[in-house]
Amino acid sequence: ALALGCVHAQLGASLCTPHLPQSVALLHTLARDSHDAVRESAIHALFLIADSAGGAFDTHIRPTMSLVTSLLLTDSAAGADQPDGVRRAAMRLVRATLGAISPELSRSASE
């Protein structure tokens, strides 16, 4: 999962845009895995993709935000806490999706 995010981040939006739907779908599936390490890696890879894709990530914002909400709320409702790494990766992903919506929002969120 992490390697996929790194490839997207290194190649940039212009080269990776054709592969974006498949990559995001795969990482969404991996983010629902029961193993925390897999989940954290997939969420971090989604962050890398969202951060590097910018506006090309627009169509994936709603499903990604639903995924993050689902992951964080499902475990909370069950009485289990997300590991810190998963929580941090989820917050980075939220910040990157804000950047895909508007770069101004991303800058103000990091200040």
PDB file of N, CA and C in Angstrom:
ATOM      1  N   ALA A   1       0.829  -1.183   0.000  1.00  0.00           N
ATOM      2  CA  ALA A   1       0.000   0.000   0.000  1.00  0.00           C
ATOM      3  C   ALA A   1       0.873   1.246   0.000  1.00  0.00           C
ATOM      4  N   LEU A   2       1.849   1.257   0.853  1.00  0.00           N
ATOM      5  CA  LEU A   2       2.705   2.429   0.970  1.00  0.00           C
ATOM      6  C   LEU A   2       3.495   2.668  -0.312  1.00  0.00           C
ATOM      7  N   ALA A   3       3.940   1.598  -0.946  1.00  0.00           N
ATOM      8  CA  ALA A   3       4.692   1.731  -2.198  1.00  0.00           C
ATOM      9  C   ALA A   3       3.833   2.390  -3.277  1.00  0.00           C
ATOM     10  N   LEU A   4       2.561   2.044  -3.328  1.00  0.00           N
ATOM     11  CA  LEU A   4       1.655   2.631  -4.305  1.00  0.00           C
ATOM     12  C   LEU A   4       1.529   4.136  -4.085  1.00  0.00           C
ATOM     13  N   GLY A   5       1.389   4.555  -2.846  1.00  0.00           N
ATOM     14  CA  GLY A   5       1.322   5.970  -2.530  1.00  0.00           C
ATOM     15  C   GLY A   5       2.608   6.690  -2.892  1.00  0.00           C
ATOM     16  N   CYS A   6       3.742   6.052  -2.643  1.00  0.00           N
ATOM     17  CA  CYS A   6       5.036   6.661  -2.966  1.00  0.00           C
ATOM     18  C   CYS A   6       5.221   6.817  -4.474  1.00  0.00           C
ATOM     19  N   VAL A   7       4.779   5.833  -5.239  1.00  0.00           N
ATOM     20  CA  VAL A   7       4.871   5.926  -6.703  1.00  0.00           C
ATOM     21  C   VAL A   7       4.052   7.113  -7.199  1.00  0.00           C
ATOM     22  N   HIS A   8       2.824   7.235  -6.713  1.00  0.00           N
ATOM     23  CA  HIS A   8       1.984   8.367  -7.109  1.00  0.00           C
ATOM     24  C   HIS A   8       2.622   9.697  -6.715  1.00  0.00           C
ATOM     25  N   ALA A   9       3.166   9.760  -5.520  1.00  0.00           N
ATOM     26  CA  ALA A   9       3.767  11.008  -5.043  1.00  0.00           C
ATOM     27  C   ALA A   9       4.993  11.385  -5.877  1.00  0.00           C
ATOM     28  N   GLN A  10       5.789  10.403  -6.257  1.00  0.00           N
ATOM     29  CA  GLN A  10       7.006  10.685  -7.020  1.00  0.00           C
ATOM     30  C   GLN A  10       6.711  11.040  -8.479  1.00  0.00           C
ATOM     31  N   LEU A  11       5.745  10.351  -9.081  1.00  0.00           N
ATOM     32  CA  LEU A  11       5.454  10.602 -10.495  1.00  0.00           C
ATOM     33  C   LEU A  11       4.589  11.833 -10.703  1.00  0.00           C
ATOM     34  N   GLY A  12       3.770  12.159  -9.725  1.00  0.00           N
ATOM     35  CA  GLY A  12       2.934  13.348  -9.835  1.00  0.00           C
ATOM     36  C   GLY A  12       1.601  13.079 -10.498  1.00  0.00           C
ATOM     37  N   ALA A  13       0.767  14.096 -10.461  1.00  0.00           N
ATOM     38  CA  ALA A  13      -0.620  13.969 -10.931  1.00  0.00           C
ATOM     39  C   ALA A  13      -0.711  13.680 -12.417  1.00  0.00           C
ATOM     40  N   SER A  14       0.106  14.330 -13.215  1.00  0.00           N
ATOM     41  CA  SER A  14      -0.047  14.189 -14.665  1.00  0.00           C
ATOM     42  C   SER A  14       0.187  12.757 -15.142  1.00  0.00           C
ATOM     43  N   LEU A  15       1.135  12.065 -14.566  1.00  0.00           N
ATOM     44  CA  LEU A  15       1.415  10.694 -14.993  1.00  0.00           C
ATOM     45  C   LEU A  15       0.512   9.662 -14.320  1.00  0.00           C
ATOM     46  N   CYS A  16       0.021   9.970 -13.144  1.00  0.00           N
ATOM     47  CA  CYS A  16      -0.737   8.974 -12.378  1.00  0.00           C
ATOM     48  C   CYS A  16      -2.251   9.115 -12.474  1.00  0.00           C
ATOM     49  N   THR A  17      -2.737  10.213 -13.034  1.00  0.00           N
ATOM     50  CA  THR A  17      -4.183  10.435 -13.094  1.00  0.00           C
ATOM     51  C   THR A  17      -4.936   9.274 -13.738  1.00  0.00           C
ATOM     52  N   PRO A  18      -4.438   8.664 -14.826  1.00  0.00           N
ATOM     53  CA  PRO A  18      -5.187   7.537 -15.407  1.00  0.00           C
ATOM     54  C   PRO A  18      -5.337   6.347 -14.454  1.00  0.00           C
ATOM     55  N   HIS A  19      -4.428   6.212 -13.516  1.00  0.00           N
ATOM     56  CA  HIS A  19      -4.442   5.080 -12.580  1.00  0.00           C
ATOM     57  C   HIS A  19      -5.100   5.419 -11.248  1.00  0.00           C
ATOM     58  N   LEU A  20      -5.509   6.661 -11.094  1.00  0.00           N
ATOM     59  CA  LEU A  20      -6.047   7.132  -9.824  1.00  0.00           C
ATOM     60  C   LEU A  20      -7.262   6.339  -9.332  1.00  0.00           C
ATOM     61  N   PRO A  21      -8.279   6.083 -10.167  1.00  0.00           N
ATOM     62  CA  PRO A  21      -9.454   5.346  -9.657  1.00  0.00           C
ATOM     63  C   PRO A  21      -9.115   3.956  -9.117  1.00  0.00           C
ATOM     64  N   GLN A  22      -8.269   3.227  -9.838  1.00  0.00           N
ATOM     65  CA  GLN A  22      -7.907   1.877  -9.384  1.00  0.00           C
ATOM     66  C   GLN A  22      -7.077   1.924  -8.111  1.00  0.00           C
ATOM     67  N   SER A  23      -6.150   2.867  -8.045  1.00  0.00           N
ATOM     68  CA  SER A  23      -5.298   2.985  -6.857  1.00  0.00           C
ATOM     69  C   SER A  23      -6.122   3.347  -5.625  1.00  0.00           C
ATOM     70  N   VAL A  24      -7.018   4.321  -5.781  1.00  0.00           N
ATOM     71  CA  VAL A  24      -7.845   4.742  -4.651  1.00  0.00           C
ATOM     72  C   VAL A  24      -8.768   3.606  -4.208  1.00  0.00           C
ATOM     73  N   ALA A  25      -9.360   2.895  -5.157  1.00  0.00           N
ATOM     74  CA  ALA A  25     -10.248   1.777  -4.805  1.00  0.00           C
ATOM     75  C   ALA A  25      -9.490   0.693  -4.039  1.00  0.00           C
ATOM     76  N   LEU A  26      -8.294   0.368  -4.493  1.00  0.00           N
ATOM     77  CA  LEU A  26      -7.481  -0.640  -3.809  1.00  0.00           C
ATOM     78  C   LEU A  26      -7.131  -0.191  -2.392  1.00  0.00           C
ATOM     79  N   LEU A  27      -6.735   1.068  -2.246  1.00  0.00           N
ATOM     80  CA  LEU A  27      -6.361   1.564  -0.920  1.00  0.00           C
ATOM     81  C   LEU A  27      -7.559   1.682   0.005  1.00  0.00           C
ATOM     82  N   HIS A  28      -8.729   1.990  -0.541  1.00  0.00           N
ATOM     83  CA  HIS A  28      -9.944   2.004   0.292  1.00  0.00           C
ATOM     84  C   HIS A  28     -10.204   0.604   0.849  1.00  0.00           C
ATOM     85  N   THR A  29     -10.014  -0.403   0.018  1.00  0.00           N
ATOM     86  CA  THR A  29     -10.205  -1.789   0.469  1.00  0.00           C
ATOM     87  C   THR A  29      -9.193  -2.146   1.556  1.00  0.00           C
ATOM     88  N   LEU A  30      -7.941  -1.789   1.343  1.00  0.00           N
ATOM     89  CA  LEU A  30      -6.905  -2.094   2.331  1.00  0.00           C
ATOM     90  C   LEU A  30      -7.103  -1.311   3.624  1.00  0.00           C
ATOM     91  N   ALA A  31      -7.665  -0.122   3.531  1.00  0.00           N
ATOM     92  CA  ALA A  31      -7.900   0.686   4.738  1.00  0.00           C
ATOM     93  C   ALA A  31      -8.953   0.060   5.642  1.00  0.00           C
ATOM     94  N   ARG A  32      -9.745  -0.845   5.118  1.00  0.00           N
ATOM     95  CA  ARG A  32     -10.767  -1.537   5.925  1.00  0.00           C
ATOM     96  C   ARG A  32     -10.257  -2.852   6.512  1.00  0.00           C
ATOM     97  N   ASP A  33      -8.985  -3.152   6.290  1.00  0.00           N
ATOM     98  CA  ASP A  33      -8.386  -4.382   6.804  1.00  0.00           C
ATOM     99  C   ASP A  33      -8.407  -4.377   8.327  1.00  0.00           C
ATOM    100  N   SER A  34      -8.433  -5.556   8.900  1.00  0.00           N
ATOM    101  CA  SER A  34      -8.503  -5.650  10.369  1.00  0.00           C
ATOM    102  C   SER A  34      -7.148  -5.417  11.042  1.00  0.00           C
ATOM    103  N   HIS A  35      -6.065  -5.469  10.307  1.00  0.00           N
ATOM    104  CA  HIS A  35      -4.734  -5.260  10.882  1.00  0.00           C
ATOM    105  C   HIS A  35      -4.386  -3.776  10.859  1.00  0.00           C
ATOM    106  N   ASP A  36      -4.015  -3.257  12.020  1.00  0.00           N
ATOM    107  CA  ASP A  36      -3.734  -1.832  12.162  1.00  0.00           C
ATOM    108  C   ASP A  36      -2.612  -1.350  11.251  1.00  0.00           C
ATOM    109  N   ALA A  37      -1.566  -2.156  11.079  1.00  0.00           N
ATOM    110  CA  ALA A  37      -0.436  -1.744  10.247  1.00  0.00           C
ATOM    111  C   ALA A  37      -0.861  -1.593   8.782  1.00  0.00           C
ATOM    112  N   VAL A  38      -1.687  -2.504   8.312  1.00  0.00           N
ATOM    113  CA  VAL A  38      -2.182  -2.424   6.934  1.00  0.00           C
ATOM    114  C   VAL A  38      -3.071  -1.199   6.778  1.00  0.00           C
ATOM    115  N   ARG A  39      -3.936  -0.999   7.751  1.00  0.00           N
ATOM    116  CA  ARG A  39      -4.849   0.147   7.723  1.00  0.00           C
ATOM    117  C   ARG A  39      -4.077   1.464   7.721  1.00  0.00           C
ATOM    118  N   GLU A  40      -3.096   1.579   8.596  1.00  0.00           N
ATOM    119  CA  GLU A  40      -2.307   2.806   8.674  1.00  0.00           C
ATOM    120  C   GLU A  40      -1.548   3.057   7.366  1.00  0.00           C
ATOM    121  N   SER A  41      -0.943   2.014   6.804  1.00  0.00           N
ATOM    122  CA  SER A  41      -0.208   2.164   5.540  1.00  0.00           C
ATOM    123  C   SER A  41      -1.129   2.592   4.405  1.00  0.00           C
ATOM    124  N   ALA A  42      -2.310   2.003   4.341  1.00  0.00           N
ATOM    125  CA  ALA A  42      -3.257   2.348   3.275  1.00  0.00           C
ATOM    126  C   ALA A  42      -3.743   3.784   3.413  1.00  0.00           C
ATOM    127  N   ILE A  43      -4.032   4.204   4.629  1.00  0.00           N
ATOM    128  CA  ILE A  43      -4.492   5.582   4.846  1.00  0.00           C
ATOM    129  C   ILE A  43      -3.372   6.565   4.531  1.00  0.00           C
ATOM    130  N   HIS A  44      -2.151   6.234   4.919  1.00  0.00           N
ATOM    131  CA  HIS A  44      -1.023   7.117   4.606  1.00  0.00           C
ATOM    132  C   HIS A  44      -0.804   7.179   3.091  1.00  0.00           C
ATOM    133  N   ALA A  45      -0.939   6.053   2.410  1.00  0.00           N
ATOM    134  CA  ALA A  45      -0.801   6.043   0.949  1.00  0.00           C
ATOM    135  C   ALA A  45      -1.893   6.891   0.301  1.00  0.00           C
ATOM    136  N   LEU A  46      -3.102   6.839   0.831  1.00  0.00           N
ATOM    137  CA  LEU A  46      -4.178   7.707   0.328  1.00  0.00           C
ATOM    138  C   LEU A  46      -3.820   9.177   0.537  1.00  0.00           C
ATOM    139  N   PHE A  47      -3.220   9.491   1.671  1.00  0.00           N
ATOM    140  CA  PHE A  47      -2.750  10.852   1.926  1.00  0.00           C
ATOM    141  C   PHE A  47      -1.733  11.277   0.867  1.00  0.00           C
ATOM    142  N   LEU A  48      -0.753  10.416   0.581  1.00  0.00           N
ATOM    143  CA  LEU A  48       0.266  10.746  -0.414  1.00  0.00           C
ATOM    144  C   LEU A  48      -0.362  10.996  -1.779  1.00  0.00           C
ATOM    145  N   ILE A  49      -1.336  10.162  -2.131  1.00  0.00           N
ATOM    146  CA  ILE A  49      -1.996  10.312  -3.428  1.00  0.00           C
ATOM    147  C   ILE A  49      -2.816  11.593  -3.467  1.00  0.00           C
ATOM    148  N   ALA A  50      -3.602  11.838  -2.434  1.00  0.00           N
ATOM    149  CA  ALA A  50      -4.434  13.048  -2.400  1.00  0.00           C
ATOM    150  C   ALA A  50      -3.562  14.293  -2.422  1.00  0.00           C
ATOM    151  N   ASP A  51      -2.462  14.261  -1.702  1.00  0.00           N
ATOM    152  CA  ASP A  51      -1.563  15.401  -1.621  1.00  0.00           C
ATOM    153  C   ASP A  51      -0.901  15.685  -2.961  1.00  0.00           C
ATOM    154  N   SER A  52      -0.495  14.645  -3.668  1.00  0.00           N
ATOM    155  CA  SER A  52       0.202  14.848  -4.940  1.00  0.00           C
ATOM    156  C   SER A  52      -0.758  15.054  -6.106  1.00  0.00           C
ATOM    157  N   ALA A  53      -1.974  14.513  -6.020  1.00  0.00           N
ATOM    158  CA  ALA A  53      -2.920  14.610  -7.138  1.00  0.00           C
ATOM    159  C   ALA A  53      -3.610  15.965  -7.195  1.00  0.00           C
ATOM    160  N   GLY A  54      -3.756  16.623  -6.057  1.00  0.00           N
ATOM    161  CA  GLY A  54      -4.413  17.927  -6.042  1.00  0.00           C
ATOM    162  C   GLY A  54      -5.842  17.851  -6.566  1.00  0.00           C
ATOM    163  N   GLY A  55      -6.154  18.692  -7.541  1.00  0.00           N
ATOM    164  CA  GLY A  55      -7.504  18.761  -8.098  1.00  0.00           C
ATOM    165  C   GLY A  55      -7.966  17.486  -8.771  1.00  0.00           C
ATOM    166  N   ALA A  56      -7.044  16.643  -9.220  1.00  0.00           N
ATOM    167  CA  ALA A  56      -7.415  15.374  -9.845  1.00  0.00           C
ATOM    168  C   ALA A  56      -8.072  14.430  -8.834  1.00  0.00           C
ATOM    169  N   PHE A  57      -7.909  14.724  -7.550  1.00  0.00           N
ATOM    170  CA  PHE A  57      -8.481  13.878  -6.496  1.00  0.00           C
ATOM    171  C   PHE A  57      -9.936  14.240  -6.198  1.00  0.00           C
ATOM    172  N   ASP A  58     -10.449  15.294  -6.831  1.00  0.00           N
ATOM    173  CA  ASP A  58     -11.807  15.798  -6.565  1.00  0.00           C
ATOM    174  C   ASP A  58     -12.877  14.717  -6.520  1.00  0.00           C
ATOM    175  N   THR A  59     -12.887  13.837  -7.493  1.00  0.00           N
ATOM    176  CA  THR A  59     -13.948  12.822  -7.553  1.00  0.00           C
ATOM    177  C   THR A  59     -13.834  11.783  -6.451  1.00  0.00           C
ATOM    178  N   HIS A  60     -12.711  11.751  -5.774  1.00  0.00           N
ATOM    179  CA  HIS A  60     -12.490  10.746  -4.717  1.00  0.00           C
ATOM    180  C   HIS A  60     -12.649  11.318  -3.311  1.00  0.00           C
ATOM    181  N   ILE A  61     -12.945  12.608  -3.221  1.00  0.00           N
ATOM    182  CA  ILE A  61     -13.026  13.242  -1.906  1.00  0.00           C
ATOM    183  C   ILE A  61     -14.166  12.682  -1.072  1.00  0.00           C
ATOM    184  N   ARG A  62     -15.365  12.636  -1.631  1.00  0.00           N
ATOM    185  CA  ARG A  62     -16.520  12.173  -0.858  1.00  0.00           C
ATOM    186  C   ARG A  62     -16.346  10.730  -0.370  1.00  0.00           C
ATOM    187  N   PRO A  63     -15.979   9.775  -1.248  1.00  0.00           N
ATOM    188  CA  PRO A  63     -15.785   8.405  -0.736  1.00  0.00           C
ATOM    189  C   PRO A  63     -14.649   8.299   0.282  1.00  0.00           C
ATOM    190  N   THR A  64     -13.615   9.104   0.106  1.00  0.00           N
ATOM    191  CA  THR A  64     -12.490   9.058   1.043  1.00  0.00           C
ATOM    192  C   THR A  64     -12.890   9.612   2.403  1.00  0.00           C
ATOM    193  N   MET A  65     -13.624  10.712   2.401  1.00  0.00           N
ATOM    194  CA  MET A  65     -14.078  11.271   3.679  1.00  0.00           C
ATOM    195  C   MET A  65     -15.067  10.314   4.364  1.00  0.00           C
ATOM    196  N   SER A  66     -15.906   9.648   3.598  1.00  0.00           N
ATOM    197  CA  SER A  66     -16.808   8.639   4.169  1.00  0.00           C
ATOM    198  C   SER A  66     -16.018   7.496   4.787  1.00  0.00           C
ATOM    199  N   LEU A  67     -14.954   7.093   4.112  1.00  0.00           N
ATOM    200  CA  LEU A  67     -14.092   6.027   4.635  1.00  0.00           C
ATOM    201  C   LEU A  67     -13.468   6.439   5.964  1.00  0.00           C
ATOM    202  N   VAL A  68     -12.900   7.640   6.012  1.00  0.00           N
ATOM    203  CA  VAL A  68     -12.257   8.114   7.248  1.00  0.00           C
ATOM    204  C   VAL A  68     -13.280   8.193   8.378  1.00  0.00           C
ATOM    205  N   THR A  69     -14.432   8.760   8.082  1.00  0.00           N
ATOM    206  CA  THR A  69     -15.491   8.868   9.093  1.00  0.00           C
ATOM    207  C   THR A  69     -15.902   7.497   9.591  1.00  0.00           C
ATOM    208  N   SER A  70     -16.098   6.591   8.652  1.00  0.00           N
ATOM    209  CA  SER A  70     -16.503   5.226   9.008  1.00  0.00           C
ATOM    210  C   SER A  70     -15.457   4.544   9.891  1.00  0.00           C
ATOM    211  N   LEU A  71     -14.202   4.661   9.504  1.00  0.00           N
ATOM    212  CA  LEU A  71     -13.139   4.013  10.285  1.00  0.00           C
ATOM    213  C   LEU A  71     -13.048   4.572  11.698  1.00  0.00           C
ATOM    214  N   LEU A  72     -13.105   5.885  11.810  1.00  0.00           N
ATOM    215  CA  LEU A  72     -12.950   6.495  13.133  1.00  0.00           C
ATOM    216  C   LEU A  72     -14.178   6.292  14.010  1.00  0.00           C
ATOM    217  N   LEU A  73     -15.361   6.351  13.438  1.00  0.00           N
ATOM    218  CA  LEU A  73     -16.579   6.224  14.238  1.00  0.00           C
ATOM    219  C   LEU A  73     -16.937   4.778  14.558  1.00  0.00           C
ATOM    220  N   THR A  74     -16.654   3.859  13.653  1.00  0.00           N
ATOM    221  CA  THR A  74     -16.987   2.459  13.887  1.00  0.00           C
ATOM    222  C   THR A  74     -16.251   1.916  15.096  1.00  0.00           C
ATOM    223  N   ASP A  75     -14.954   2.163  15.153  1.00  0.00           N
ATOM    224  CA  ASP A  75     -14.180   1.669  16.289  1.00  0.00           C
ATOM    225  C   ASP A  75     -14.561   2.384  17.579  1.00  0.00           C
ATOM    226  N   SER A  76     -14.880   3.663  17.482  1.00  0.00           N
ATOM    227  CA  SER A  76     -15.291   4.414  18.681  1.00  0.00           C
ATOM    228  C   SER A  76     -16.606   3.874  19.228  1.00  0.00           C
ATOM    229  N   ALA A  77     -17.544   3.557  18.339  1.00  0.00           N
ATOM    230  CA  ALA A  77     -18.846   3.047  18.761  1.00  0.00           C
ATOM    231  C   ALA A  77     -18.711   1.662  19.391  1.00  0.00           C
ATOM    232  N   ALA A  78     -17.725   0.905  18.934  1.00  0.00           N
ATOM    233  CA  ALA A  78     -17.516  -0.435  19.476  1.00  0.00           C
ATOM    234  C   ALA A  78     -16.735  -0.407  20.784  1.00  0.00           C
ATOM    235  N   GLY A  79     -16.322   0.778  21.206  1.00  0.00           N
ATOM    236  CA  GLY A  79     -15.574   0.885  22.454  1.00  0.00           C
ATOM    237  C   GLY A  79     -14.086   0.687  22.280  1.00  0.00           C
ATOM    238  N   ALA A  80     -13.639   0.536  21.040  1.00  0.00           N
ATOM    239  CA  ALA A  80     -12.207   0.365  20.777  1.00  0.00           C
ATOM    240  C   ALA A  80     -11.647   1.669  20.225  1.00  0.00           C
ATOM    241  N   ASP A  81     -10.453   1.982  20.605  1.00  0.00           N
ATOM    242  CA  ASP A  81      -9.804   3.182  20.091  1.00  0.00           C
ATOM    243  C   ASP A  81      -8.906   2.817  18.924  1.00  0.00           C
ATOM    244  N   GLN A  82      -8.839   3.736  17.975  1.00  0.00           N
ATOM    245  CA  GLN A  82      -7.897   3.575  16.876  1.00  0.00           C
ATOM    246  C   GLN A  82      -6.492   3.782  17.433  1.00  0.00           C
ATOM    247  N   PRO A  83      -5.529   3.025  16.946  1.00  0.00           N
ATOM    248  CA  PRO A  83      -4.140   3.296  17.337  1.00  0.00           C
ATOM    249  C   PRO A  83      -3.757   4.713  16.891  1.00  0.00           C
ATOM    250  N   ASP A  84      -2.817   5.306  17.595  1.00  0.00           N
ATOM    251  CA  ASP A  84      -2.401   6.674  17.285  1.00  0.00           C
ATOM    252  C   ASP A  84      -1.945   6.834  15.842  1.00  0.00           C
ATOM    253  N   GLY A  85      -1.245   5.847  15.306  1.00  0.00           N
ATOM    254  CA  GLY A  85      -0.756   5.927  13.931  1.00  0.00           C
ATOM    255  C   GLY A  85      -1.888   6.012  12.931  1.00  0.00           C
ATOM    256  N   VAL A  86      -2.936   5.244  13.147  1.00  0.00           N
ATOM    257  CA  VAL A  86      -4.094   5.272  12.252  1.00  0.00           C
ATOM    258  C   VAL A  86      -4.792   6.619  12.362  1.00  0.00           C
ATOM    259  N   ARG A  87      -4.949   7.107  13.562  1.00  0.00           N
ATOM    260  CA  ARG A  87      -5.606   8.395  13.780  1.00  0.00           C
ATOM    261  C   ARG A  87      -4.823   9.536  13.130  1.00  0.00           C
ATOM    262  N   ARG A  88      -3.506   9.525  13.309  1.00  0.00           N
ATOM    263  CA  ARG A  88      -2.660  10.572  12.709  1.00  0.00           C
ATOM    264  C   ARG A  88      -2.722  10.505  11.182  1.00  0.00           C
ATOM    265  N   ALA A  89      -2.652   9.294  10.633  1.00  0.00           N
ATOM    266  CA  ALA A  89      -2.729   9.131   9.178  1.00  0.00           C
ATOM    267  C   ALA A  89      -4.067   9.626   8.656  1.00  0.00           C
ATOM    268  N   ALA A  90      -5.142   9.361   9.394  1.00  0.00           N
ATOM    269  CA  ALA A  90      -6.469   9.821   8.992  1.00  0.00           C
ATOM    270  C   ALA A  90      -6.541  11.343   8.985  1.00  0.00           C
ATOM    271  N   MET A  91      -5.940  11.978   9.960  1.00  0.00           N
ATOM    272  CA  MET A  91      -5.971  13.448  10.008  1.00  0.00           C
ATOM    273  C   MET A  91      -5.134  14.061   8.888  1.00  0.00           C
ATOM    274  N   ARG A  92      -4.007  13.428   8.547  1.00  0.00           N
ATOM    275  CA  ARG A  92      -3.218  13.909   7.407  1.00  0.00           C
ATOM    276  C   ARG A  92      -4.025  13.772   6.122  1.00  0.00           C
ATOM    277  N   LEU A  93      -4.761  12.674   5.999  1.00  0.00           N
ATOM    278  CA  LEU A  93      -5.592  12.463   4.824  1.00  0.00           C
ATOM    279  C   LEU A  93      -6.691  13.524   4.731  1.00  0.00           C
ATOM    280  N   VAL A  94      -7.291  13.865   5.844  1.00  0.00           N
ATOM    281  CA  VAL A  94      -8.315  14.918   5.851  1.00  0.00           C
ATOM    282  C   VAL A  94      -7.701  16.232   5.389  1.00  0.00           C
ATOM    283  N   ARG A  95      -6.511  16.557   5.882  1.00  0.00           N
ATOM    284  CA  ARG A  95      -5.840  17.793   5.468  1.00  0.00           C
ATOM    285  C   ARG A  95      -5.536  17.788   3.973  1.00  0.00           C
ATOM    286  N   ALA A  96      -5.112  16.647   3.440  1.00  0.00           N
ATOM    287  CA  ALA A  96      -4.808  16.562   2.004  1.00  0.00           C
ATOM    288  C   ALA A  96      -6.069  16.703   1.162  1.00  0.00           C
ATOM    289  N   THR A  97      -7.186  16.156   1.639  1.00  0.00           N
ATOM    290  CA  THR A  97      -8.432  16.309   0.878  1.00  0.00           C
ATOM    291  C   THR A  97      -8.897  17.761   0.909  1.00  0.00           C
ATOM    292  N   LEU A  98      -8.653  18.463   2.007  1.00  0.00           N
ATOM    293  CA  LEU A  98      -8.944  19.896   2.041  1.00  0.00           C
ATOM    294  C   LEU A  98      -8.099  20.633   1.000  1.00  0.00           C
ATOM    295  N   GLY A  99      -6.866  20.205   0.845  1.00  0.00           N
ATOM    296  CA  GLY A  99      -5.995  20.801  -0.156  1.00  0.00           C
ATOM    297  C   GLY A  99      -6.471  20.527  -1.570  1.00  0.00           C
ATOM    298  N   ALA A 100      -7.093  19.367  -1.786  1.00  0.00           N
ATOM    299  CA  ALA A 100      -7.637  19.061  -3.108  1.00  0.00           C
ATOM    300  C   ALA A 100      -8.847  19.937  -3.411  1.00  0.00           C
ATOM    301  N   ILE A 101      -9.618  20.265  -2.375  1.00  0.00           N
ATOM    302  CA  ILE A 101     -10.775  21.133  -2.557  1.00  0.00           C
ATOM    303  C   ILE A 101     -10.310  22.559  -2.816  1.00  0.00           C
ATOM    304  N   SER A 102      -9.392  23.030  -1.983  1.00  0.00           N
ATOM    305  CA  SER A 102      -8.909  24.407  -2.103  1.00  0.00           C
ATOM    306  C   SER A 102      -7.553  24.511  -1.425  1.00  0.00           C
ATOM    307  N   PRO A 103      -6.538  24.915  -2.159  1.00  0.00           N
ATOM    308  CA  PRO A 103      -5.215  25.058  -1.535  1.00  0.00           C
ATOM    309  C   PRO A 103      -5.205  26.036  -0.358  1.00  0.00           C
ATOM    310  N   GLU A 104      -6.085  27.028  -0.384  1.00  0.00           N
ATOM    311  CA  GLU A 104      -6.136  27.985   0.721  1.00  0.00           C
ATOM    312  C   GLU A 104      -6.580  27.304   2.015  1.00  0.00           C
ATOM    313  N   LEU A 105      -7.530  26.365   1.899  1.00  0.00           N
ATOM    314  CA  LEU A 105      -7.976  25.635   3.091  1.00  0.00           C
ATOM    315  C   LEU A 105      -6.852  24.789   3.670  1.00  0.00           C
ATOM    316  N   SER A 106      -6.068  24.186   2.813  1.00  0.00           N
ATOM    317  CA  SER A 106      -4.972  23.348   3.262  1.00  0.00           C
ATOM    318  C   SER A 106      -3.929  24.168   4.001  1.00  0.00           C
ATOM    319  N   ARG A 107      -3.610  25.341   3.486  1.00  0.00           N
ATOM    320  CA  ARG A 107      -2.614  26.188   4.144  1.00  0.00           C
ATOM    321  C   ARG A 107      -3.101  26.659   5.502  1.00  0.00           C
ATOM    322  N   SER A 108      -4.368  27.047   5.598  1.00  0.00           N
ATOM    323  CA  SER A 108      -4.868  27.536   6.882  1.00  0.00           C
ATOM    324  C   SER A 108      -5.024  26.408   7.893  1.00  0.00           C
ATOM    325  N   ALA A 109      -5.246  25.168   7.426  1.00  0.00           N
ATOM    326  CA  ALA A 109      -5.368  24.034   8.336  1.00  0.00           C
ATOM    327  C   ALA A 109      -4.024  23.657   8.937  1.00  0.00           C
ATOM    328  N   SER A 110      -2.938  23.931   8.208  1.00  0.00           N
ATOM    329  CA  SER A 110      -1.614  23.548   8.722  1.00  0.00           C
ATOM    330  C   SER A 110      -1.001  24.630   9.598  1.00  0.00           C
ATOM    331  N   GLU A 111      -1.587  25.809   9.636  1.00  0.00           N
ATOM    332  CA  GLU A 111      -1.031  26.899  10.450  1.00  0.00           C
ATOM    333  C   GLU A 111      -1.459  26.798  11.890  1.00  0.00           C
TER     334      GLU A 111
END
